[in-house]
PDB file of N, CA and C in Angstrom:
ATOM      1  N   MET A   1      16.679  -0.062  -5.747  1.00  0.00           N
ATOM      2  CA  MET A   1      15.866   0.001  -4.463  1.00  0.00           C
ATOM      3  C   MET A   1      16.731   0.749  -3.268  1.00  0.00           C
ATOM      4  N   ARG A   2      17.992   0.246  -3.111  1.00  0.00           N
ATOM      5  CA  ARG A   2      18.944   0.629  -2.138  1.00  0.00           C
ATOM      6  C   ARG A   2      19.266   1.937  -2.150  1.00  0.00           C
ATOM      7  N   GLU A   3      19.105   2.645  -3.633  1.00  0.00           N
ATOM      8  CA  GLU A   3      19.392   3.889  -3.631  1.00  0.00           C
ATOM      9  C   GLU A   3      18.139   4.734  -3.511  1.00  0.00           C
ATOM     10  N   THR A   4      17.264   4.452  -3.627  1.00  0.00           N
ATOM     11  CA  THR A   4      15.643   4.880  -3.535  1.00  0.00           C
ATOM     12  C   THR A   4      15.817   5.079  -1.913  1.00  0.00           C
ATOM     13  N   LEU A   5      16.024   4.164  -1.038  1.00  0.00           N
ATOM     14  CA  LEU A   5      15.848   4.323   0.346  1.00  0.00           C
ATOM     15  C   LEU A   5      16.740   4.908   0.944  1.00  0.00           C
ATOM     16  N   THR A   6      17.886   5.456   0.388  1.00  0.00           N
ATOM     17  CA  THR A   6      18.980   6.428   0.990  1.00  0.00           C
ATOM     18  C   THR A   6      18.431   7.595   1.189  1.00  0.00           C
ATOM     19  N   ASP A   7      17.635   8.002   0.334  1.00  0.00           N
ATOM     20  CA  ASP A   7      16.856   9.539   0.451  1.00  0.00           C
ATOM     21  C   ASP A   7      15.833   9.338   1.597  1.00  0.00           C
ATOM     22  N   LEU A   8      15.777  10.453   2.495  1.00  0.00           N
ATOM     23  CA  LEU A   8      14.826  10.298   3.793  1.00  0.00           C
ATOM     24  C   LEU A   8      13.567  10.390   3.269  1.00  0.00           C
ATOM     25  N   LYS A   9      13.377  11.527   2.386  1.00  0.00           N
ATOM     26  CA  LYS A   9      12.004  11.834   1.798  1.00  0.00           C
ATOM     27  C   LYS A   9      11.465  10.643   1.083  1.00  0.00           C
ATOM     28  N   ALA A  10      12.172   9.885   0.261  1.00  0.00           N
ATOM     29  CA  ALA A  10      11.524   8.760  -0.399  1.00  0.00           C
ATOM     30  C   ALA A  10      11.297   7.685   0.556  1.00  0.00           C
ATOM     31  N   ARG A  11      12.204   7.489   1.491  1.00  0.00           N
ATOM     32  CA  ARG A  11      12.177   6.100   2.330  1.00  0.00           C
ATOM     33  C   ARG A  11      10.855   6.845   3.450  1.00  0.00           C
ATOM     34  N   GLN A  12      10.383   8.046   3.650  1.00  0.00           N
ATOM     35  CA  GLN A  12       9.104   8.083   4.301  1.00  0.00           C
ATOM     36  C   GLN A  12       7.731   7.838   3.449  1.00  0.00           C
ATOM     37  N   LEU A  13       7.907   8.435   2.318  1.00  0.00           N
ATOM     38  CA  LEU A  13       6.970   7.873   1.098  1.00  0.00           C
ATOM     39  C   LEU A  13       6.881   6.417   0.843  1.00  0.00           C
ATOM     40  N   TYR A  14       7.801   5.884   0.989  1.00  0.00           N
ATOM     41  CA  TYR A  14       7.881   3.878   0.817  1.00  0.00           C
ATOM     42  C   TYR A  14       7.180   3.317   2.238  1.00  0.00           C
ATOM     43  N   GLN A  15       7.411   4.089   3.325  1.00  0.00           N
ATOM     44  CA  GLN A  15       6.915   3.564   4.539  1.00  0.00           C
ATOM     45  C   GLN A  15       5.510   3.682   4.536  1.00  0.00           C
ATOM     46  N   ARG A  16       4.815   4.929   3.857  1.00  0.00           N
ATOM     47  CA  ARG A  16       3.548   5.145   4.024  1.00  0.00           C
ATOM     48  C   ARG A  16       2.781   4.202   3.248  1.00  0.00           C
ATOM     49  N   ARG A  17       3.381   3.727   2.079  1.00  0.00           N
ATOM     50  CA  ARG A  17       2.653   2.795   1.156  1.00  0.00           C
ATOM     51  C   ARG A  17       2.287   1.497   2.171  1.00  0.00           C
ATOM     52  N   GLN A  18       3.127   1.085   2.976  1.00  0.00           N
ATOM     53  CA  GLN A  18       2.499  -0.089   3.528  1.00  0.00           C
ATOM     54  C   GLN A  18       1.179  -0.066   4.241  1.00  0.00           C
ATOM     55  N   GLY A  19       0.908   1.405   4.644  1.00  0.00           N
ATOM     56  CA  GLY A  19      -0.423   1.378   5.191  1.00  0.00           C
ATOM     57  C   GLY A  19      -1.457   1.471   4.292  1.00  0.00           C
ATOM     58  N   MET A  20      -1.372   1.548   3.058  1.00  0.00           N
ATOM     59  CA  MET A  20      -2.054   1.785   1.876  1.00  0.00           C
ATOM     60  C   MET A  20      -2.863   0.385   1.662  1.00  0.00           C
ATOM     61  N   VAL A  21      -3.660   0.297   0.572  1.00  0.00           N
ATOM     62  CA  VAL A  21      -4.452  -0.738   0.092  1.00  0.00           C
ATOM     63  C   VAL A  21      -3.644  -2.073  -0.745  1.00  0.00           C
ATOM     64  N   GLU A  22      -2.653  -1.416  -0.922  1.00  0.00           N
ATOM     65  CA  GLU A  22      -1.714  -2.466  -1.789  1.00  0.00           C
ATOM     66  C   GLU A  22      -1.401  -3.701  -1.201  1.00  0.00           C
ATOM     67  N   PRO A  23      -1.142  -3.819   0.069  1.00  0.00           N
ATOM     68  CA  PRO A  23      -0.611  -4.921   0.718  1.00  0.00           C
ATOM     69  C   PRO A  23      -1.562  -6.105   0.794  1.00  0.00           C
ATOM     70  N   VAL A  24      -2.913  -5.551   0.679  1.00  0.00           N
ATOM     71  CA  VAL A  24      -3.939  -6.438   0.673  1.00  0.00           C
ATOM     72  C   VAL A  24      -4.069  -7.257  -0.751  1.00  0.00           C
ATOM     73  N   PHE A  25      -3.969  -6.372  -1.621  1.00  0.00           N
ATOM     74  CA  PHE A  25      -4.069  -7.191  -3.109  1.00  0.00           C
ATOM     75  C   PHE A  25      -2.760  -8.125  -3.333  1.00  0.00           C
ATOM     76  N   GLY A  26      -1.499  -7.623  -2.787  1.00  0.00           N
ATOM     77  CA  GLY A  26      -0.136  -8.353  -2.968  1.00  0.00           C
ATOM     78  C   GLY A  26      -0.458  -9.736  -2.072  1.00  0.00           C
ATOM     79  N   HIS A  27      -1.197  -9.639  -0.769  1.00  0.00           N
ATOM     80  CA  HIS A  27      -1.440 -10.846  -0.003  1.00  0.00           C
ATOM     81  C   HIS A  27      -2.252 -11.858  -0.523  1.00  0.00           C
ATOM     82  N   ILE A  28      -3.491 -11.285  -1.185  1.00  0.00           N
ATOM     83  CA  ILE A  28      -4.376 -12.012  -1.888  1.00  0.00           C
ATOM     84  C   ILE A  28      -3.463 -12.818  -3.121  1.00  0.00           C
ATOM     85  N   LYS A  29      -2.840 -12.076  -3.744  1.00  0.00           N
ATOM     86  CA  LYS A  29      -2.212 -12.643  -5.084  1.00  0.00           C
ATOM     87  C   LYS A  29      -1.208 -13.750  -4.682  1.00  0.00           C
ATOM     88  N   GLU A  30      -0.346 -13.325  -3.522  1.00  0.00           N
ATOM     89  CA  GLU A  30       0.609 -14.533  -3.321  1.00  0.00           C
ATOM     90  C   GLU A  30       0.307 -15.412  -2.445  1.00  0.00           C
ATOM     91  N   HIS A  31      -0.742 -15.384  -1.312  1.00  0.00           N
ATOM     92  CA  HIS A  31      -0.963 -16.354  -0.383  1.00  0.00           C
ATOM     93  C   HIS A  31      -2.187 -17.038  -0.665  1.00  0.00           C
ATOM     94  N   ARG A  32      -3.081 -16.519  -1.439  1.00  0.00           N
ATOM     95  CA  ARG A  32      -4.332 -17.286  -1.991  1.00  0.00           C
ATOM     96  C   ARG A  32      -4.033 -17.725  -3.425  1.00  0.00           C
ATOM     97  N   GLY A  33      -2.973 -17.492  -4.192  1.00  0.00           N
ATOM     98  CA  GLY A  33      -2.573 -18.162  -5.412  1.00  0.00           C
ATOM     99  C   GLY A  33      -3.383 -17.501  -6.599  1.00  0.00           C
ATOM    100  N   PHE A  34      -3.925 -16.288  -6.420  1.00  0.00           N
ATOM    101  CA  PHE A  34      -4.830 -15.660  -7.527  1.00  0.00           C
ATOM    102  C   PHE A  34      -3.864 -14.921  -8.393  1.00  0.00           C
ATOM    103  N   ARG A  35      -3.100 -15.458  -9.404  1.00  0.00           N
ATOM    104  CA  ARG A  35      -2.173 -14.886 -10.360  1.00  0.00           C
ATOM    105  C   ARG A  35      -3.066 -14.631 -11.859  1.00  0.00           C
ATOM    106  N   ARG A  36      -3.953 -15.439 -12.089  1.00  0.00           N
ATOM    107  CA  ARG A  36      -4.613 -15.073 -13.343  1.00  0.00           C
ATOM    108  C   ARG A  36      -6.222 -15.890 -13.402  1.00  0.00           C
ATOM    109  N   THR A  37      -6.760 -15.498 -14.358  1.00  0.00           N
ATOM    110  CA  THR A  37      -8.041 -15.733 -14.520  1.00  0.00           C
ATOM    111  C   THR A  37      -8.385 -16.317 -15.779  1.00  0.00           C
ATOM    112  N   LEU A  38      -9.447 -17.141 -16.081  1.00  0.00           N
ATOM    113  CA  LEU A  38      -9.782 -17.769 -17.292  1.00  0.00           C
ATOM    114  C   LEU A  38     -11.229 -17.032 -17.776  1.00  0.00           C
ATOM    115  N   LEU A  39     -11.657 -16.260 -16.972  1.00  0.00           N
ATOM    116  CA  LEU A  39     -12.781 -15.647 -17.155  1.00  0.00           C
ATOM    117  C   LEU A  39     -12.774 -14.514 -18.181  1.00  0.00           C
ATOM    118  N   ARG A  40     -13.739 -14.049 -18.866  1.00  0.00           N
ATOM    119  CA  ARG A  40     -13.630 -13.200 -19.882  1.00  0.00           C
ATOM    120  C   ARG A  40     -15.046 -12.240 -19.663  1.00  0.00           C
ATOM    121  N   GLY A  41     -14.746 -10.842 -19.853  1.00  0.00           N
ATOM    122  CA  GLY A  41     -15.698  -9.952 -19.502  1.00  0.00           C
ATOM    123  C   GLY A  41     -15.563  -9.414 -18.006  1.00  0.00           C
ATOM    124  N   LEU A  42     -15.800  -7.972 -17.968  1.00  0.00           N
ATOM    125  CA  LEU A  42     -15.835  -7.146 -16.851  1.00  0.00           C
ATOM    126  C   LEU A  42     -16.701  -7.686 -15.770  1.00  0.00           C
ATOM    127  N   GLY A  43     -17.994  -7.931 -16.182  1.00  0.00           N
ATOM    128  CA  GLY A  43     -18.692  -8.349 -15.277  1.00  0.00           C
ATOM    129  C   GLY A  43     -18.648  -9.717 -14.480  1.00  0.00           C
ATOM    130  N   ARG A  44     -17.838 -10.801 -15.309  1.00  0.00           N
ATOM    131  CA  ARG A  44     -17.746 -11.831 -14.637  1.00  0.00           C
ATOM    132  C   ARG A  44     -16.374 -11.898 -13.828  1.00  0.00           C
ATOM    133  N   MET A  45     -15.319 -11.078 -14.427  1.00  0.00           N
ATOM    134  CA  MET A  45     -14.171 -10.604 -13.511  1.00  0.00           C
ATOM    135  C   MET A  45     -14.473 -10.054 -12.138  1.00  0.00           C
ATOM    136  N   GLN A  46     -15.408  -9.146 -12.159  1.00  0.00           N
ATOM    137  CA  GLN A  46     -15.802  -8.390 -11.009  1.00  0.00           C
ATOM    138  C   GLN A  46     -16.458  -9.400 -10.006  1.00  0.00           C
ATOM    139  N   ALA A  47     -17.326 -10.202 -10.541  1.00  0.00           N
ATOM    140  CA  ALA A  47     -17.872 -11.148  -9.465  1.00  0.00           C
ATOM    141  C   ALA A  47     -16.964 -12.136  -8.759  1.00  0.00           C
ATOM    142  N   LYS A  48     -15.898 -12.499  -9.707  1.00  0.00           N
ATOM    143  CA  LYS A  48     -14.970 -13.693  -9.047  1.00  0.00           C
ATOM    144  C   LYS A  48     -14.085 -12.705  -8.199  1.00  0.00           C
ATOM    145  N   TRP A  49     -13.808 -11.531  -8.336  1.00  0.00           N
ATOM    146  CA  TRP A  49     -13.062 -10.876  -7.475  1.00  0.00           C
ATOM    147  C   TRP A  49     -13.673 -10.535  -6.145  1.00  0.00           C
ATOM    148  N   GLN A  50     -15.045 -10.261  -6.276  1.00  0.00           N
ATOM    149  CA  GLN A  50     -15.825 -10.264  -5.133  1.00  0.00           C
ATOM    150  C   GLN A  50     -15.686 -11.383  -4.142  1.00  0.00           C
ATOM    151  N   LEU A  51     -16.078 -12.768  -4.989  1.00  0.00           N
ATOM    152  CA  LEU A  51     -15.900 -13.765  -4.183  1.00  0.00           C
ATOM    153  C   LEU A  51     -14.622 -14.075  -3.710  1.00  0.00           C
ATOM    154  N   ILE A  52     -13.412 -13.797  -4.407  1.00  0.00           N
ATOM    155  CA  ILE A  52     -12.150 -13.761  -3.683  1.00  0.00           C
ATOM    156  C   ILE A  52     -12.093 -12.849  -2.275  1.00  0.00           C
ATOM    157  N   CYS A  53     -12.317 -11.821  -2.483  1.00  0.00           N
ATOM    158  CA  CYS A  53     -12.167 -10.829  -1.637  1.00  0.00           C
ATOM    159  C   CYS A  53     -13.145 -11.335  -0.340  1.00  0.00           C
ATOM    160  N   LEU A  54     -14.252 -11.866  -0.598  1.00  0.00           N
ATOM    161  CA  LEU A  54     -15.369 -12.368   0.265  1.00  0.00           C
ATOM    162  C   LEU A  54     -14.623 -13.707   1.358  1.00  0.00           C
ATOM    163  N   THR A  55     -13.899 -14.391   0.625  1.00  0.00           N
ATOM    164  CA  THR A  55     -13.531 -15.636   1.185  1.00  0.00           C
ATOM    165  C   THR A  55     -12.144 -15.040   1.807  1.00  0.00           C
ATOM    166  N   HIS A  56     -11.283 -14.083   1.329  1.00  0.00           N
ATOM    167  CA  HIS A  56     -10.229 -13.583   2.086  1.00  0.00           C
ATOM    168  C   HIS A  56     -10.591 -12.821   3.449  1.00  0.00           C
ATOM    169  N   SER A  57     -11.586 -12.328   3.479  1.00  0.00           N
ATOM    170  CA  SER A  57     -12.274 -11.646   4.752  1.00  0.00           C
ATOM    171  C   SER A  57     -12.716 -12.545   5.638  1.00  0.00           C
ATOM    172  N   LEU A  58     -13.367 -13.732   5.130  1.00  0.00           N
ATOM    173  CA  LEU A  58     -13.790 -14.768   5.928  1.00  0.00           C
ATOM    174  C   LEU A  58     -12.815 -15.735   6.690  1.00  0.00           C
ATOM    175  N   LEU A  59     -11.842 -15.908   6.013  1.00  0.00           N
ATOM    176  CA  LEU A  59     -10.777 -16.603   6.462  1.00  0.00           C
ATOM    177  C   LEU A  59      -9.880 -15.832   7.688  1.00  0.00           C
ATOM    178  N   LYS A  60      -9.692 -14.211   7.256  1.00  0.00           N
ATOM    179  CA  LYS A  60      -9.096 -13.493   8.220  1.00  0.00           C
ATOM    180  C   LYS A  60      -9.775 -13.548   9.559  1.00  0.00           C
ATOM    181  N   LEU A  61     -11.304 -13.539   9.480  1.00  0.00           N
ATOM    182  CA  LEU A  61     -12.212 -13.531  10.431  1.00  0.00           C
ATOM    183  C   LEU A  61     -12.187 -14.763  11.390  1.00  0.00           C
ATOM    184  N   PHE A  62     -12.138 -15.942  10.640  1.00  0.00           N
ATOM    185  CA  PHE A  62     -11.877 -17.250  11.133  1.00  0.00           C
ATOM    186  C   PHE A  62     -10.733 -17.357  11.986  1.00  0.00           C
ATOM    187  N   GLY A  63      -9.580 -16.956  11.259  1.00  0.00           N
ATOM    188  CA  GLY A  63      -8.287 -17.103  11.924  1.00  0.00           C
ATOM    189  C   GLY A  63      -8.192 -16.404  13.216  1.00  0.00           C
ATOM    190  N   GLN A  64      -9.030 -15.326  13.425  1.00  0.00           N
ATOM    191  CA  GLN A  64      -8.996 -14.565  14.872  1.00  0.00           C
ATOM    192  C   GLN A  64      -9.635 -15.366  16.002  1.00  0.00           C
ATOM    193  N   ARG A  65     -10.144 -16.487  15.765  1.00  0.00           N
ATOM    194  CA  ARG A  65     -11.185 -17.000  16.773  1.00  0.00           C
ATOM    195  C   ARG A  65     -10.033 -18.048  17.434  1.00  0.00           C
TER     196      ARG A  65
END
């Protein structure tokens, strides 16, 4: 990683990644403890992910009060 960040173009590209969607997924996985699921099937997993995203958004809104 140190070698990657020595190049100016690579460093600018890496800095742009911070503004992308990736940090949200990392935050949900790290701080909410969502690492694995016991559900099977795409529909069930999508429903669970939507519930996790909903609670994440609600907790962010509640924290701003």
